[in-house]
Amino acid sequence: MTSILVVDDHGLMRMGIIRLLEDREEFTVVGEAASGEESLHLVPKLKPDVVLMDLKMPGIGGVEATRKLLASHPGLKIIIVTGLVDHFHPPHLIKAGAMGYVTKTGGLQEVVNAIHAALRGRQYFSSNIAQQLALRNCHADPHASPFDCLSQRELQTAVLIIHGKRPQEIASIFSISNKTVNTYRYRIFEKLGINSDVELTLLAVKYNIVSPEIKC
């Protein structure tokens, strides 16, 4: 039987996923977490086979939680289950070691398919995500994003800046110095050709890195 930890900051979403999984005899849900930080504490205790990880959560979020978990638990299978459909985050998450990326609109069967694929050592993407990735890899794609030039850590830093995190907070999340955070910020601005946090936010909304309700 496959043991699963469900990580999502929305209680109703966690409850729905857990109930759907528990209806299948092949799975057992060993725990749930409301944040990336909580998942870091639970994985060593519960030792799940698979973690279903939300992407956008308060604190370190799904990307950094995935990176940290796989650094200390390399055999863990992590599948991203998110409402965010884009072609920016999947490559960074796959690079971090995630085995799949499925959208919450895809239904339970996509989650099940992703779990089965991960257990066989294969990566799995929702069909809409796979389509976005195909477009991203097309050299003639007229919608190529300037954010594609950012490294994984630079993209993570950019998202935290957009959400109003101060350099000290970002430094704490990544366990780095304020100076390093400022270096990342300088590189982000230089690569994107911008000069302020407001411009960063507007550009991120334009290219669907963050939702439009983020305030400048």
C-alpha atoms as a PDB file:
ATOM      1  CA  MET A   1       0.000   0.000   0.000  1.00  0.00           C
ATOM      2  CA  THR A   2       1.291   3.446  -0.931  1.00  0.00           C
ATOM      3  CA  SER A   3       1.496   5.965   1.930  1.00  0.00           C
ATOM      4  CA  ILE A   4       0.745   9.586   1.083  1.00  0.00           C
ATOM      5  CA  LEU A   5       1.184  12.986   2.751  1.00  0.00           C
ATOM      6  CA  VAL A   6      -1.128  15.754   1.474  1.00  0.00           C
ATOM      7  CA  VAL A   7       0.235  19.316   1.643  1.00  0.00           C
ATOM      8  CA  ASP A   8      -2.136  22.205   0.876  1.00  0.00           C
ATOM      9  CA  ASP A   9      -2.917  25.432   2.704  1.00  0.00           C
ATOM     10  CA  HIS A  10      -6.653  25.132   1.979  1.00  0.00           C
ATOM     11  CA  GLY A  11      -8.353  22.827   4.458  1.00  0.00           C
ATOM     12  CA  LEU A  12     -11.274  21.972   2.191  1.00  0.00           C
ATOM     13  CA  MET A  13      -8.930  21.038  -0.639  1.00  0.00           C
ATOM     14  CA  ARG A  14      -6.884  18.792   1.663  1.00  0.00           C
ATOM     15  CA  MET A  15     -10.053  17.149   2.937  1.00  0.00           C
ATOM     16  CA  GLY A  16     -11.324  16.544  -0.593  1.00  0.00           C
ATOM     17  CA  ILE A  17      -8.065  14.989  -1.784  1.00  0.00           C
ATOM     18  CA  ILE A  18      -7.798  12.820   1.325  1.00  0.00           C
ATOM     19  CA  ARG A  19     -11.363  11.503   1.017  1.00  0.00           C
ATOM     20  CA  LEU A  20     -10.906  10.680  -2.645  1.00  0.00           C
ATOM     21  CA  LEU A  21      -7.642   8.838  -2.007  1.00  0.00           C
ATOM     22  CA  GLU A  22      -8.959   6.922   0.977  1.00  0.00           C
ATOM     23  CA  ASP A  23     -11.734   5.510  -1.200  1.00  0.00           C
ATOM     24  CA  ARG A  24      -9.038   3.568  -3.048  1.00  0.00           C
ATOM     25  CA  GLU A  25      -7.621   0.541  -1.247  1.00  0.00           C
ATOM     26  CA  GLU A  26      -4.161   0.970  -2.800  1.00  0.00           C
ATOM     27  CA  PHE A  27      -3.509   4.241  -0.928  1.00  0.00           C
ATOM     28  CA  THR A  28      -3.306   5.251   2.699  1.00  0.00           C
ATOM     29  CA  VAL A  29      -3.056   8.896   3.760  1.00  0.00           C
ATOM     30  CA  VAL A  30      -0.622   9.054   6.667  1.00  0.00           C
ATOM     31  CA  GLY A  31      -0.887  12.798   7.302  1.00  0.00           C
ATOM     32  CA  GLU A  32      -1.657  16.290   6.092  1.00  0.00           C
ATOM     33  CA  ALA A  33       0.147  19.631   6.260  1.00  0.00           C
ATOM     34  CA  ALA A  34      -0.963  23.219   5.692  1.00  0.00           C
ATOM     35  CA  SER A  35       2.419  24.628   4.665  1.00  0.00           C
ATOM     36  CA  GLY A  36       5.782  23.749   3.217  1.00  0.00           C
ATOM     37  CA  GLU A  37       7.379  24.260   6.617  1.00  0.00           C
ATOM     38  CA  GLU A  38       4.982  21.770   8.218  1.00  0.00           C
ATOM     39  CA  SER A  39       5.767  19.197   5.555  1.00  0.00           C
ATOM     40  CA  LEU A  40       9.483  19.477   6.422  1.00  0.00           C
ATOM     41  CA  HIS A  41       8.660  18.416   9.981  1.00  0.00           C
ATOM     42  CA  LEU A  42       6.195  15.655   9.077  1.00  0.00           C
ATOM     43  CA  VAL A  43       8.069  13.773   6.362  1.00  0.00           C
ATOM     44  CA  PRO A  44      10.858  12.483   8.672  1.00  0.00           C
ATOM     45  CA  LYS A  45       8.231  11.328  11.196  1.00  0.00           C
ATOM     46  CA  LEU A  46       5.637   9.828   8.847  1.00  0.00           C
ATOM     47  CA  LYS A  47       7.990   8.573   6.101  1.00  0.00           C
ATOM     48  CA  PRO A  48       5.434   8.741   3.267  1.00  0.00           C
ATOM     49  CA  ASP A  49       6.108   7.168  -0.119  1.00  0.00           C
ATOM     50  CA  VAL A  50       4.528  10.103  -1.929  1.00  0.00           C
ATOM     51  CA  VAL A  51       3.926  13.772  -1.100  1.00  0.00           C
ATOM     52  CA  LEU A  52       1.166  15.658  -2.920  1.00  0.00           C
ATOM     53  CA  MET A  53       2.450  19.230  -2.733  1.00  0.00           C
ATOM     54  CA  ASP A  54       0.511  22.432  -3.365  1.00  0.00           C
ATOM     55  CA  LEU A  55       2.516  25.123  -5.138  1.00  0.00           C
ATOM     56  CA  LYS A  56       1.302  28.486  -3.803  1.00  0.00           C
ATOM     57  CA  MET A  57       1.329  28.510   0.008  1.00  0.00           C
ATOM     58  CA  PRO A  58       2.349  31.029   2.675  1.00  0.00           C
ATOM     59  CA  GLY A  59       5.959  30.817   3.799  1.00  0.00           C
ATOM     60  CA  ILE A  60       8.480  28.881   1.745  1.00  0.00           C
ATOM     61  CA  GLY A  61       5.841  27.521  -0.642  1.00  0.00           C
ATOM     62  CA  GLY A  62       5.859  24.334  -2.670  1.00  0.00           C
ATOM     63  CA  VAL A  63       8.981  24.929  -4.753  1.00  0.00           C
ATOM     64  CA  GLU A  64      11.349  25.489  -1.851  1.00  0.00           C
ATOM     65  CA  ALA A  65       9.681  22.779   0.252  1.00  0.00           C
ATOM     66  CA  THR A  66      10.207  20.335  -2.622  1.00  0.00           C
ATOM     67  CA  ARG A  67      13.852  21.284  -2.937  1.00  0.00           C
ATOM     68  CA  LYS A  68      14.507  20.963   0.786  1.00  0.00           C
ATOM     69  CA  LEU A  69      12.641  17.652   1.148  1.00  0.00           C
ATOM     70  CA  LEU A  70      14.426  16.005  -1.758  1.00  0.00           C
ATOM     71  CA  ALA A  71      17.792  17.239  -0.539  1.00  0.00           C
ATOM     72  CA  SER A  72      17.290  15.287   2.687  1.00  0.00           C
ATOM     73  CA  HIS A  73      15.011  12.502   1.363  1.00  0.00           C
ATOM     74  CA  PRO A  74      16.208  11.758  -2.188  1.00  0.00           C
ATOM     75  CA  GLY A  75      13.975   8.681  -2.571  1.00  0.00           C
ATOM     76  CA  LEU A  76      10.784  10.606  -1.831  1.00  0.00           C
ATOM     77  CA  LYS A  77       8.265  10.993  -4.658  1.00  0.00           C
ATOM     78  CA  ILE A  78       6.817  14.523  -4.784  1.00  0.00           C
ATOM     79  CA  ILE A  79       3.940  15.438  -7.076  1.00  0.00           C
ATOM     80  CA  ILE A  80       2.795  19.032  -7.444  1.00  0.00           C
ATOM     81  CA  VAL A  81      -1.005  19.430  -7.300  1.00  0.00           C
ATOM     82  CA  THR A  82      -1.892  23.037  -8.067  1.00  0.00           C
ATOM     83  CA  GLY A  83      -4.452  25.370  -9.546  1.00  0.00           C
ATOM     84  CA  LEU A  84      -1.726  27.324 -11.357  1.00  0.00           C
ATOM     85  CA  VAL A  85      -1.448  26.522 -15.066  1.00  0.00           C
ATOM     86  CA  ASP A  86       1.692  27.913 -16.695  1.00  0.00           C
ATOM     87  CA  HIS A  87       4.915  26.804 -18.329  1.00  0.00           C
ATOM     88  CA  PHE A  88       7.248  28.640 -15.943  1.00  0.00           C
ATOM     89  CA  HIS A  89       7.037  26.641 -12.724  1.00  0.00           C
ATOM     90  CA  PRO A  90       7.051  23.022 -14.012  1.00  0.00           C
ATOM     91  CA  PRO A  91      10.638  23.089 -15.362  1.00  0.00           C
ATOM     92  CA  HIS A  92      11.931  24.549 -12.094  1.00  0.00           C
ATOM     93  CA  LEU A  93      10.055  21.946 -10.054  1.00  0.00           C
ATOM     94  CA  ILE A  94      11.185  19.075 -12.233  1.00  0.00           C
ATOM     95  CA  LYS A  95      14.737  20.406 -11.942  1.00  0.00           C
ATOM     96  CA  ALA A  96      14.266  20.404  -8.162  1.00  0.00           C
ATOM     97  CA  GLY A  97      13.289  16.721  -8.396  1.00  0.00           C
ATOM     98  CA  ALA A  98       9.486  16.634  -8.447  1.00  0.00           C
ATOM     99  CA  MET A  99       8.078  13.628 -10.298  1.00  0.00           C
ATOM    100  CA  GLY A 100       4.862  15.211 -11.527  1.00  0.00           C
ATOM    101  CA  TYR A 101       2.806  18.347 -11.994  1.00  0.00           C
ATOM    102  CA  VAL A 102      -0.978  18.075 -12.164  1.00  0.00           C
ATOM    103  CA  THR A 103      -3.720  20.679 -11.956  1.00  0.00           C
ATOM    104  CA  LYS A 104      -6.567  20.609  -9.469  1.00  0.00           C
ATOM    105  CA  THR A 105      -9.081  20.845 -12.302  1.00  0.00           C
ATOM    106  CA  GLY A 106      -7.889  17.540 -13.755  1.00  0.00           C
ATOM    107  CA  GLY A 107      -9.751  15.366 -11.262  1.00  0.00           C
ATOM    108  CA  LEU A 108      -8.675  12.462  -9.084  1.00  0.00           C
ATOM    109  CA  GLN A 109      -7.672  10.196 -11.956  1.00  0.00           C
ATOM    110  CA  GLU A 110      -4.852  12.526 -12.979  1.00  0.00           C
ATOM    111  CA  VAL A 111      -3.534  12.502  -9.422  1.00  0.00           C
ATOM    112  CA  VAL A 112      -3.744   8.695  -9.394  1.00  0.00           C
ATOM    113  CA  ASN A 113      -1.997   8.494 -12.771  1.00  0.00           C
ATOM    114  CA  ALA A 114       0.758  10.780 -11.491  1.00  0.00           C
ATOM    115  CA  ILE A 115       1.240   8.641  -8.368  1.00  0.00           C
ATOM    116  CA  HIS A 116       1.447   5.433 -10.402  1.00  0.00           C
ATOM    117  CA  ALA A 117       3.936   7.025 -12.813  1.00  0.00           C
ATOM    118  CA  ALA A 118       6.093   8.363  -9.964  1.00  0.00           C
ATOM    119  CA  LEU A 119       6.224   4.947  -8.292  1.00  0.00           C
ATOM    120  CA  ARG A 120       7.510   3.534 -11.591  1.00  0.00           C
ATOM    121  CA  GLY A 121      10.159   6.249 -11.744  1.00  0.00           C
ATOM    122  CA  ARG A 122       8.449   8.209 -14.500  1.00  0.00           C
ATOM    123  CA  GLN A 123       7.463  11.874 -14.623  1.00  0.00           C
ATOM    124  CA  TYR A 124       3.845  12.849 -15.229  1.00  0.00           C
ATOM    125  CA  PHE A 125       2.232  16.111 -16.393  1.00  0.00           C
ATOM    126  CA  SER A 126      -1.399  17.097 -16.774  1.00  0.00           C
ATOM    127  CA  SER A 127      -2.316  17.391 -20.456  1.00  0.00           C
ATOM    128  CA  ASN A 128      -2.674  21.180 -20.228  1.00  0.00           C
ATOM    129  CA  ILE A 129       0.731  21.479 -18.556  1.00  0.00           C
ATOM    130  CA  ALA A 130       2.311  19.223 -21.175  1.00  0.00           C
ATOM    131  CA  GLN A 131       0.864  21.470 -23.868  1.00  0.00           C
ATOM    132  CA  GLN A 132       2.297  24.575 -22.199  1.00  0.00           C
ATOM    133  CA  LEU A 133       5.713  22.929 -21.974  1.00  0.00           C
ATOM    134  CA  ALA A 134       5.553  21.974 -25.643  1.00  0.00           C
ATOM    135  CA  LEU A 135       4.884  25.602 -26.537  1.00  0.00           C
ATOM    136  CA  ARG A 136       7.730  26.718 -24.311  1.00  0.00           C
ATOM    137  CA  ASN A 137      10.156  24.482 -26.156  1.00  0.00           C
ATOM    138  CA  CYS A 138       9.071  25.800 -29.535  1.00  0.00           C
ATOM    139  CA  HIS A 139      11.682  28.294 -30.769  1.00  0.00           C
ATOM    140  CA  ALA A 140       9.027  30.120 -32.763  1.00  0.00           C
ATOM    141  CA  ASP A 141       6.821  30.675 -29.732  1.00  0.00           C
ATOM    142  CA  PRO A 142       5.883  34.389 -29.820  1.00  0.00           C
ATOM    143  CA  HIS A 143       4.851  34.299 -26.166  1.00  0.00           C
ATOM    144  CA  ALA A 144       8.248  33.387 -24.731  1.00  0.00           C
ATOM    145  CA  SER A 145       8.624  34.850 -21.271  1.00  0.00           C
ATOM    146  CA  PRO A 146      11.535  36.951 -19.992  1.00  0.00           C
ATOM    147  CA  PHE A 147      11.214  34.972 -16.748  1.00  0.00           C
ATOM    148  CA  ASP A 148      12.581  31.926 -18.576  1.00  0.00           C
ATOM    149  CA  CYS A 149      16.068  33.418 -18.220  1.00  0.00           C
ATOM    150  CA  LEU A 150      15.908  33.365 -14.409  1.00  0.00           C
ATOM    151  CA  SER A 151      17.452  30.566 -12.386  1.00  0.00           C
ATOM    152  CA  GLN A 152      15.248  28.567 -10.030  1.00  0.00           C
ATOM    153  CA  ARG A 153      16.387  30.558  -6.985  1.00  0.00           C
ATOM    154  CA  GLU A 154      16.015  33.872  -8.823  1.00  0.00           C
ATOM    155  CA  LEU A 155      12.444  32.980  -9.791  1.00  0.00           C
ATOM    156  CA  GLN A 156      11.656  31.996  -6.186  1.00  0.00           C
ATOM    157  CA  THR A 157      13.137  35.271  -4.959  1.00  0.00           C
ATOM    158  CA  ALA A 158      11.174  37.266  -7.531  1.00  0.00           C
ATOM    159  CA  VAL A 159       7.888  35.700  -6.411  1.00  0.00           C
ATOM    160  CA  LEU A 160       8.650  36.460  -2.761  1.00  0.00           C
ATOM    161  CA  ILE A 161       9.511  40.080  -3.613  1.00  0.00           C
ATOM    162  CA  ILE A 162       6.218  40.401  -5.485  1.00  0.00           C
ATOM    163  CA  HIS A 163       4.371  39.117  -2.431  1.00  0.00           C
ATOM    164  CA  GLY A 164       5.914  41.866  -0.318  1.00  0.00           C
ATOM    165  CA  LYS A 165       8.584  39.881   1.508  1.00  0.00           C
ATOM    166  CA  ARG A 166      11.444  41.998   2.865  1.00  0.00           C
ATOM    167  CA  PRO A 167      15.065  40.998   2.200  1.00  0.00           C
ATOM    168  CA  GLN A 168      15.416  39.843   5.818  1.00  0.00           C
ATOM    169  CA  GLU A 169      12.396  37.544   5.452  1.00  0.00           C
ATOM    170  CA  ILE A 170      13.639  36.116   2.160  1.00  0.00           C
ATOM    171  CA  ALA A 171      17.077  35.547   3.668  1.00  0.00           C
ATOM    172  CA  SER A 172      15.461  33.632   6.541  1.00  0.00           C
ATOM    173  CA  ILE A 173      13.340  31.476   4.225  1.00  0.00           C
ATOM    174  CA  PHE A 174      16.355  30.450   2.124  1.00  0.00           C
ATOM    175  CA  SER A 175      18.875  30.442   4.995  1.00  0.00           C
ATOM    176  CA  ILE A 176      21.104  32.914   3.176  1.00  0.00           C
ATOM    177  CA  SER A 177      22.457  36.400   3.927  1.00  0.00           C
ATOM    178  CA  ASN A 178      20.733  39.701   3.158  1.00  0.00           C
ATOM    179  CA  LYS A 179      23.640  40.482   0.843  1.00  0.00           C
ATOM    180  CA  THR A 180      22.913  37.364  -1.205  1.00  0.00           C
ATOM    181  CA  VAL A 181      19.236  38.296  -1.437  1.00  0.00           C
ATOM    182  CA  ASN A 182      20.205  41.738  -2.743  1.00  0.00           C
ATOM    183  CA  THR A 183      22.496  40.087  -5.272  1.00  0.00           C
ATOM    184  CA  TYR A 184      19.607  37.943  -6.513  1.00  0.00           C
ATOM    185  CA  ARG A 185      17.417  41.047  -6.708  1.00  0.00           C
ATOM    186  CA  TYR A 186      20.040  42.887  -8.765  1.00  0.00           C
ATOM    187  CA  ARG A 187      20.364  39.934 -11.155  1.00  0.00           C
ATOM    188  CA  ILE A 188      16.575  39.668 -11.523  1.00  0.00           C
ATOM    189  CA  PHE A 189      16.229  43.341 -12.381  1.00  0.00           C
ATOM    190  CA  GLU A 190      19.175  43.178 -14.772  1.00  0.00           C
ATOM    191  CA  LYS A 191      17.898  40.091 -16.625  1.00  0.00           C
ATOM    192  CA  LEU A 192      14.331  41.398 -16.878  1.00  0.00           C
ATOM    193  CA  GLY A 193      15.351  44.935 -17.804  1.00  0.00           C
ATOM    194  CA  ILE A 194      13.405  46.567 -14.958  1.00  0.00           C
ATOM    195  CA  ASN A 195      14.212  49.023 -12.161  1.00  0.00           C
ATOM    196  CA  SER A 196      11.632  48.574  -9.405  1.00  0.00           C
ATOM    197  CA  ASP A 197       9.452  46.110  -7.510  1.00  0.00           C
ATOM    198  CA  VAL A 198       6.382  47.672  -9.134  1.00  0.00           C
ATOM    199  CA  GLU A 199       7.747  46.919 -12.607  1.00  0.00           C
ATOM    200  CA  LEU A 200       8.550  43.386 -11.459  1.00  0.00           C
ATOM    201  CA  THR A 201       4.971  42.876 -10.272  1.00  0.00           C
ATOM    202  CA  LEU A 202       3.445  44.247 -13.465  1.00  0.00           C
ATOM    203  CA  LEU A 203       5.686  42.028 -15.583  1.00  0.00           C
ATOM    204  CA  ALA A 204       4.860  38.975 -13.468  1.00  0.00           C
ATOM    205  CA  VAL A 205       1.119  39.579 -13.855  1.00  0.00           C
ATOM    206  CA  LYS A 206       1.541  40.052 -17.613  1.00  0.00           C
ATOM    207  CA  TYR A 207       3.283  36.698 -17.985  1.00  0.00           C
ATOM    208  CA  ASN A 208       1.044  34.840 -15.502  1.00  0.00           C
ATOM    209  CA  ILE A 209       3.771  34.301 -12.908  1.00  0.00           C
ATOM    210  CA  VAL A 210       1.384  35.624 -10.237  1.00  0.00           C
ATOM    211  CA  SER A 211      -2.346  36.302 -10.291  1.00  0.00           C
ATOM    212  CA  PRO A 212      -3.669  39.797 -11.142  1.00  0.00           C
ATOM    213  CA  GLU A 213      -5.028  40.357  -7.619  1.00  0.00           C
ATOM    214  CA  ILE A 214      -1.462  40.898  -6.342  1.00  0.00           C
ATOM    215  CA  LYS A 215      -1.244  44.600  -5.508  1.00  0.00           C
ATOM    216  CA  CYS A 216       1.625  46.748  -6.766  1.00  0.00           C
END
